[in-house]
Amino acid sequence: MNGSLMSAGEVADLLGVPVSWVYEQSRRGGIPTVTLGRYRRYRREAIEHWLEDLEKGTGTGALPRAAGLNA
């Protein structure tokens, strides 16, 4: 495995969204998540790839317009 795992707070900071949004998307399967028991973690590479797919229009999930991440 390349890279370390990120917390929901770190992902929220990276994306400019609330932590609650990250957890909600994790539960819905809208964002790549690694589940470790009751903990949710995120690989930075997977998040970056997911964002690239969203920008190309080939990914799933919806980023809030307020975060400035939707085209």
PDB file of N, CA and C in Angstrom:
ATOM      1  N   MET A   1       0.851  -1.178   0.000  1.00  0.00           N
ATOM      2  CA  MET A   1       0.000   0.000   0.000  1.00  0.00           C
ATOM      3  C   MET A   1       0.888   1.229   0.000  1.00  0.00           C
ATOM      4  N   ASN A   2       0.638   2.119  -0.932  1.00  0.00           N
ATOM      5  CA  ASN A   2       1.384   3.375  -1.003  1.00  0.00           C
ATOM      6  C   ASN A   2       0.663   4.445  -0.204  1.00  0.00           C
ATOM      7  N   GLY A   3       1.413   5.267   0.495  1.00  0.00           N
ATOM      8  CA  GLY A   3       0.831   6.380   1.232  1.00  0.00           C
ATOM      9  C   GLY A   3       0.160   5.940   2.515  1.00  0.00           C
ATOM     10  N   SER A   4      -0.158   6.922   3.314  1.00  0.00           N
ATOM     11  CA  SER A   4      -0.815   6.630   4.576  1.00  0.00           C
ATOM     12  C   SER A   4      -2.304   6.911   4.461  1.00  0.00           C
ATOM     13  N   LEU A   5      -3.029   6.445   5.447  1.00  0.00           N
ATOM     14  CA  LEU A   5      -4.463   6.669   5.480  1.00  0.00           C
ATOM     15  C   LEU A   5      -4.771   8.006   6.128  1.00  0.00           C
ATOM     16  N   MET A   6      -5.808   8.638   5.639  1.00  0.00           N
ATOM     17  CA  MET A   6      -6.231   9.942   6.145  1.00  0.00           C
ATOM     18  C   MET A   6      -7.498   9.780   6.977  1.00  0.00           C
ATOM     19  N   SER A   7      -7.693  10.693   7.912  1.00  0.00           N
ATOM     20  CA  SER A   7      -8.928  10.726   8.695  1.00  0.00           C
ATOM     21  C   SER A   7      -9.991  11.511   7.922  1.00  0.00           C
ATOM     22  N   ALA A   8     -11.221  11.436   8.392  1.00  0.00           N
ATOM     23  CA  ALA A   8     -12.301  12.200   7.765  1.00  0.00           C
ATOM     24  C   ALA A   8     -12.019  13.701   7.853  1.00  0.00           C
ATOM     25  N   GLY A   9     -11.427  14.138   8.948  1.00  0.00           N
ATOM     26  CA  GLY A   9     -11.091  15.551   9.102  1.00  0.00           C
ATOM     27  C   GLY A   9     -10.072  16.008   8.077  1.00  0.00           C
ATOM     28  N   GLU A  10      -9.094  15.169   7.811  1.00  0.00           N
ATOM     29  CA  GLU A  10      -8.083  15.513   6.808  1.00  0.00           C
ATOM     30  C   GLU A  10      -8.689  15.561   5.412  1.00  0.00           C
ATOM     31  N   VAL A  11      -9.600  14.625   5.127  1.00  0.00           N
ATOM     32  CA  VAL A  11     -10.271  14.626   3.820  1.00  0.00           C
ATOM     33  C   VAL A  11     -11.149  15.863   3.691  1.00  0.00           C
ATOM     34  N   ALA A  12     -11.849  16.203   4.758  1.00  0.00           N
ATOM     35  CA  ALA A  12     -12.699  17.397   4.747  1.00  0.00           C
ATOM     36  C   ALA A  12     -11.867  18.644   4.459  1.00  0.00           C
ATOM     37  N   ASP A  13     -10.715  18.756   5.088  1.00  0.00           N
ATOM     38  CA  ASP A  13      -9.824  19.898   4.835  1.00  0.00           C
ATOM     39  C   ASP A  13      -9.353  19.911   3.384  1.00  0.00           C
ATOM     40  N   LEU A  14      -8.993  18.746   2.868  1.00  0.00           N
ATOM     41  CA  LEU A  14      -8.523  18.634   1.487  1.00  0.00           C
ATOM     42  C   LEU A  14      -9.599  19.081   0.499  1.00  0.00           C
ATOM     43  N   LEU A  15     -10.845  18.673   0.752  1.00  0.00           N
ATOM     44  CA  LEU A  15     -11.940  18.963  -0.172  1.00  0.00           C
ATOM     45  C   LEU A  15     -12.640  20.287   0.113  1.00  0.00           C
ATOM     46  N   GLY A  16     -12.426  20.831   1.298  1.00  0.00           N
ATOM     47  CA  GLY A  16     -13.102  22.072   1.661  1.00  0.00           C
ATOM     48  C   GLY A  16     -14.568  21.875   1.987  1.00  0.00           C
ATOM     49  N   VAL A  17     -14.875  20.737   2.599  1.00  0.00           N
ATOM     50  CA  VAL A  17     -16.249  20.404   2.976  1.00  0.00           C
ATOM     51  C   VAL A  17     -16.288  20.070   4.465  1.00  0.00           C
ATOM     52  N   PRO A  18     -17.494  20.057   5.063  1.00  0.00           N
ATOM     53  CA  PRO A  18     -17.591  19.667   6.478  1.00  0.00           C
ATOM     54  C   PRO A  18     -17.272  18.189   6.688  1.00  0.00           C
ATOM     55  N   VAL A  19     -16.770  17.870   7.858  1.00  0.00           N
ATOM     56  CA  VAL A  19     -16.475  16.473   8.212  1.00  0.00           C
ATOM     57  C   VAL A  19     -17.745  15.636   8.114  1.00  0.00           C
ATOM     58  N   SER A  20     -18.878  16.208   8.513  1.00  0.00           N
ATOM     59  CA  SER A  20     -20.148  15.465   8.456  1.00  0.00           C
ATOM     60  C   SER A  20     -20.467  15.033   7.029  1.00  0.00           C
ATOM     61  N   TRP A  21     -20.098  15.859   6.039  1.00  0.00           N
ATOM     62  CA  TRP A  21     -20.331  15.494   4.643  1.00  0.00           C
ATOM     63  C   TRP A  21     -19.474  14.294   4.250  1.00  0.00           C
ATOM     64  N   VAL A  22     -18.237  14.276   4.705  1.00  0.00           N
ATOM     65  CA  VAL A  22     -17.339  13.154   4.402  1.00  0.00           C
ATOM     66  C   VAL A  22     -17.919  11.866   4.972  1.00  0.00           C
ATOM     67  N   TYR A  23     -18.377  11.905   6.236  1.00  0.00           N
ATOM     68  CA  TYR A  23     -18.970  10.708   6.844  1.00  0.00           C
ATOM     69  C   TYR A  23     -20.241  10.279   6.115  1.00  0.00           C
ATOM     70  N   GLU A  24     -21.068  11.239   5.728  1.00  0.00           N
ATOM     71  CA  GLU A  24     -22.302  10.912   5.018  1.00  0.00           C
ATOM     72  C   GLU A  24     -21.996  10.234   3.692  1.00  0.00           C
ATOM     73  N   GLN A  25     -21.043  10.791   2.936  1.00  0.00           N
ATOM     74  CA  GLN A  25     -20.663  10.192   1.656  1.00  0.00           C
ATOM     75  C   GLN A  25     -20.048   8.806   1.847  1.00  0.00           C
ATOM     76  N   SER A  26     -19.337   8.617   2.944  1.00  0.00           N
ATOM     77  CA  SER A  26     -18.761   7.307   3.245  1.00  0.00           C
ATOM     78  C   SER A  26     -19.865   6.280   3.452  1.00  0.00           C
ATOM     79  N   ARG A  27     -20.875   6.660   4.228  1.00  0.00           N
ATOM     80  CA  ARG A  27     -21.990   5.742   4.496  1.00  0.00           C
ATOM     81  C   ARG A  27     -22.753   5.412   3.220  1.00  0.00           C
ATOM     82  N   ARG A  28     -22.886   6.385   2.327  1.00  0.00           N
ATOM     83  CA  ARG A  28     -23.636   6.199   1.082  1.00  0.00           C
ATOM     84  C   ARG A  28     -22.824   5.529  -0.013  1.00  0.00           C
ATOM     85  N   GLY A  29     -21.527   5.368   0.195  1.00  0.00           N
ATOM     86  CA  GLY A  29     -20.673   4.780  -0.827  1.00  0.00           C
ATOM     87  C   GLY A  29     -20.290   5.766  -1.913  1.00  0.00           C
ATOM     88  N   GLY A  30     -20.403   7.066  -1.620  1.00  0.00           N
ATOM     89  CA  GLY A  30     -20.110   8.090  -2.612  1.00  0.00           C
ATOM     90  C   GLY A  30     -18.659   8.514  -2.664  1.00  0.00           C
ATOM     91  N   ILE A  31     -17.853   8.068  -1.717  1.00  0.00           N
ATOM     92  CA  ILE A  31     -16.450   8.461  -1.655  1.00  0.00           C
ATOM     93  C   ILE A  31     -15.642   7.212  -1.285  1.00  0.00           C
ATOM     94  N   PRO A  32     -14.468   7.028  -1.869  1.00  0.00           N
ATOM     95  CA  PRO A  32     -13.679   5.830  -1.552  1.00  0.00           C
ATOM     96  C   PRO A  32     -13.294   5.792  -0.070  1.00  0.00           C
ATOM     97  N   THR A  33     -13.667   4.705   0.587  1.00  0.00           N
ATOM     98  CA  THR A  33     -13.482   4.568   2.026  1.00  0.00           C
ATOM     99  C   THR A  33     -12.839   3.232   2.362  1.00  0.00           C
ATOM    100  N   VAL A  34     -11.964   3.256   3.345  1.00  0.00           N
ATOM    101  CA  VAL A  34     -11.409   2.034   3.922  1.00  0.00           C
ATOM    102  C   VAL A  34     -12.040   1.901   5.305  1.00  0.00           C
ATOM    103  N   THR A  35     -12.775   0.815   5.532  1.00  0.00           N
ATOM    104  CA  THR A  35     -13.409   0.608   6.823  1.00  0.00           C
ATOM    105  C   THR A  35     -12.562  -0.354   7.648  1.00  0.00           C
ATOM    106  N   LEU A  36     -12.161   0.118   8.809  1.00  0.00           N
ATOM    107  CA  LEU A  36     -11.354  -0.677   9.741  1.00  0.00           C
ATOM    108  C   LEU A  36     -12.173  -0.827  11.024  1.00  0.00           C
ATOM    109  N   GLY A  37     -12.993  -1.865  11.066  1.00  0.00           N
ATOM    110  CA  GLY A  37     -13.889  -2.013  12.208  1.00  0.00           C
ATOM    111  C   GLY A  37     -14.878  -0.874  12.222  1.00  0.00           C
ATOM    112  N   ARG A  38     -14.874  -0.110  13.303  1.00  0.00           N
ATOM    113  CA  ARG A  38     -15.794   1.034  13.391  1.00  0.00           C
ATOM    114  C   ARG A  38     -15.177   2.325  12.858  1.00  0.00           C
ATOM    115  N   TYR A  39     -13.945   2.254  12.386  1.00  0.00           N
ATOM    116  CA  TYR A  39     -13.247   3.432  11.899  1.00  0.00           C
ATOM    117  C   TYR A  39     -13.317   3.511  10.382  1.00  0.00           C
ATOM    118  N   ARG A  40     -13.378   4.737   9.865  1.00  0.00           N
ATOM    119  CA  ARG A  40     -13.324   4.970   8.423  1.00  0.00           C
ATOM    120  C   ARG A  40     -12.075   5.778   8.133  1.00  0.00           C
ATOM    121  N   ARG A  41     -11.318   5.317   7.165  1.00  0.00           N
ATOM    122  CA  ARG A  41     -10.107   6.011   6.743  1.00  0.00           C
ATOM    123  C   ARG A  41     -10.118   6.113   5.225  1.00  0.00           C
ATOM    124  N   TYR A  42      -9.228   6.938   4.706  1.00  0.00           N
ATOM    125  CA  TYR A  42      -9.249   7.275   3.291  1.00  0.00           C
ATOM    126  C   TYR A  42      -7.826   7.316   2.757  1.00  0.00           C
ATOM    127  N   ARG A  43      -7.599   6.670   1.596  1.00  0.00           N
ATOM    128  CA  ARG A  43      -6.296   6.749   0.945  1.00  0.00           C
ATOM    129  C   ARG A  43      -6.285   8.004   0.083  1.00  0.00           C
ATOM    130  N   ARG A  44      -5.281   8.844   0.256  1.00  0.00           N
ATOM    131  CA  ARG A  44      -5.197  10.095  -0.503  1.00  0.00           C
ATOM    132  C   ARG A  44      -5.224   9.824  -2.007  1.00  0.00           C
ATOM    133  N   GLU A  45      -4.512   8.799  -2.449  1.00  0.00           N
ATOM    134  CA  GLU A  45      -4.470   8.475  -3.875  1.00  0.00           C
ATOM    135  C   GLU A  45      -5.864   8.139  -4.398  1.00  0.00           C
ATOM    136  N   ALA A  46      -6.651   7.422  -3.609  1.00  0.00           N
ATOM    137  CA  ALA A  46      -8.010   7.061  -4.028  1.00  0.00           C
ATOM    138  C   ALA A  46      -8.903   8.294  -4.095  1.00  0.00           C
ATOM    139  N   ILE A  47      -8.749   9.201  -3.134  1.00  0.00           N
ATOM    140  CA  ILE A  47      -9.533  10.432  -3.133  1.00  0.00           C
ATOM    141  C   ILE A  47      -9.167  11.284  -4.349  1.00  0.00           C
ATOM    142  N   GLU A  48      -7.880  11.408  -4.644  1.00  0.00           N
ATOM    143  CA  GLU A  48      -7.445  12.205  -5.796  1.00  0.00           C
ATOM    144  C   GLU A  48      -7.954  11.606  -7.109  1.00  0.00           C
ATOM    145  N   HIS A  49      -7.899  10.284  -7.230  1.00  0.00           N
ATOM    146  CA  HIS A  49      -8.396   9.612  -8.429  1.00  0.00           C
ATOM    147  C   HIS A  49      -9.907   9.822  -8.561  1.00  0.00           C
ATOM    148  N   TRP A  50     -10.623   9.709  -7.448  1.00  0.00           N
ATOM    149  CA  TRP A  50     -12.067   9.930  -7.414  1.00  0.00           C
ATOM    150  C   TRP A  50     -12.400  11.351  -7.877  1.00  0.00           C
ATOM    151  N   LEU A  51     -11.642  12.332  -7.405  1.00  0.00           N
ATOM    152  CA  LEU A  51     -11.855  13.724  -7.826  1.00  0.00           C
ATOM    153  C   LEU A  51     -11.620  13.894  -9.326  1.00  0.00           C
ATOM    154  N   GLU A  52     -10.565  13.274  -9.833  1.00  0.00           N
ATOM    155  CA  GLU A  52     -10.279  13.351 -11.267  1.00  0.00           C
ATOM    156  C   GLU A  52     -11.437  12.782 -12.072  1.00  0.00           C
ATOM    157  N   ASP A  53     -11.987  11.652 -11.627  1.00  0.00           N
ATOM    158  CA  ASP A  53     -13.128  11.052 -12.314  1.00  0.00           C
ATOM    159  C   ASP A  53     -14.338  11.977 -12.268  1.00  0.00           C
ATOM    160  N   LEU A  54     -14.569  12.635 -11.131  1.00  0.00           N
ATOM    161  CA  LEU A  54     -15.687  13.580 -11.026  1.00  0.00           C
ATOM    162  C   LEU A  54     -15.511  14.740 -11.998  1.00  0.00           C
ATOM    163  N   GLU A  55     -14.289  15.251 -12.085  1.00  0.00           N
ATOM    164  CA  GLU A  55     -14.014  16.373 -12.984  1.00  0.00           C
ATOM    165  C   GLU A  55     -14.229  15.990 -14.446  1.00  0.00           C
ATOM    166  N   LYS A  56     -13.919  14.744 -14.775  1.00  0.00           N
ATOM    167  CA  LYS A  56     -14.098  14.254 -16.145  1.00  0.00           C
ATOM    168  C   LYS A  56     -15.550  13.888 -16.428  1.00  0.00           C
ATOM    169  N   GLY A  57     -16.347  13.806 -15.372  1.00  0.00           N
ATOM    170  CA  GLY A  57     -17.734  13.405 -15.544  1.00  0.00           C
ATOM    171  C   GLY A  57     -17.915  11.904 -15.598  1.00  0.00           C
ATOM    172  N   THR A  58     -16.879  11.146 -15.208  1.00  0.00           N
ATOM    173  CA  THR A  58     -16.970   9.686 -15.259  1.00  0.00           C
ATOM    174  C   THR A  58     -17.160   9.068 -13.883  1.00  0.00           C
ATOM    175  N   GLY A  59     -17.108   9.882 -12.832  1.00  0.00           N
ATOM    176  CA  GLY A  59     -17.233   9.349 -11.484  1.00  0.00           C
ATOM    177  C   GLY A  59     -18.644   9.452 -10.964  1.00  0.00           C
ATOM    178  N   THR A  60     -18.858   8.849  -9.798  1.00  0.00           N
ATOM    179  CA  THR A  60     -20.146   8.936  -9.131  1.00  0.00           C
ATOM    180  C   THR A  60     -19.988   9.767  -7.877  1.00  0.00           C
ATOM    181  N   GLY A  61     -21.079  10.203  -7.358  1.00  0.00           N
ATOM    182  CA  GLY A  61     -21.035  11.026  -6.159  1.00  0.00           C
ATOM    183  C   GLY A  61     -21.205  12.480  -6.536  1.00  0.00           C
ATOM    184  N   ALA A  62     -21.699  13.251  -5.588  1.00  0.00           N
ATOM    185  CA  ALA A  62     -21.940  14.661  -5.847  1.00  0.00           C
ATOM    186  C   ALA A  62     -21.263  15.494  -4.813  1.00  0.00           C
ATOM    187  N   LEU A  63     -20.442  16.413  -5.250  1.00  0.00           N
ATOM    188  CA  LEU A  63     -19.804  17.349  -4.344  1.00  0.00           C
ATOM    189  C   LEU A  63     -20.672  18.587  -4.248  1.00  0.00           C
ATOM    190  N   PRO A  64     -20.778  19.167  -3.070  1.00  0.00           N
ATOM    191  CA  PRO A  64     -21.615  20.355  -2.917  1.00  0.00           C
ATOM    192  C   PRO A  64     -21.062  21.548  -3.695  1.00  0.00           C
ATOM    193  N   ARG A  65     -21.932  22.305  -4.327  1.00  0.00           N
ATOM    194  CA  ARG A  65     -21.523  23.480  -5.093  1.00  0.00           C
ATOM    195  C   ARG A  65     -20.842  24.511  -4.200  1.00  0.00           C
ATOM    196  N   ALA A  66     -21.258  24.588  -2.957  1.00  0.00           N
ATOM    197  CA  ALA A  66     -20.681  25.573  -2.041  1.00  0.00           C
ATOM    198  C   ALA A  66     -19.180  25.351  -1.857  1.00  0.00           C
ATOM    199  N   ALA A  67     -18.739  24.118  -2.044  1.00  0.00           N
ATOM    200  CA  ALA A  67     -17.313  23.828  -1.887  1.00  0.00           C
ATOM    201  C   ALA A  67     -16.531  24.229  -3.130  1.00  0.00           C
ATOM    202  N   GLY A  68     -17.247  24.576  -4.201  1.00  0.00           N
ATOM    203  CA  GLY A  68     -16.574  24.979  -5.433  1.00  0.00           C
ATOM    204  C   GLY A  68     -15.925  23.827  -6.163  1.00  0.00           C
ATOM    205  N   LEU A  69     -16.424  22.604  -5.931  1.00  0.00           N
ATOM    206  CA  LEU A  69     -15.810  21.444  -6.544  1.00  0.00           C
ATOM    207  C   LEU A  69     -16.639  20.856  -7.671  1.00  0.00           C
ATOM    208  N   ASN A  70     -17.842  21.361  -7.903  1.00  0.00           N
ATOM    209  CA  ASN A  70     -18.656  20.888  -9.025  1.00  0.00           C
ATOM    210  C   ASN A  70     -18.481  21.816 -10.205  1.00  0.00           C
ATOM    211  N   ALA A  71     -18.464  21.268 -11.371  1.00  0.00           N
ATOM    212  CA  ALA A  71     -18.347  22.089 -12.583  1.00  0.00           C
ATOM    213  C   ALA A  71     -19.687  22.667 -12.970  1.00  0.00           C
TER     214      ALA A  71
END
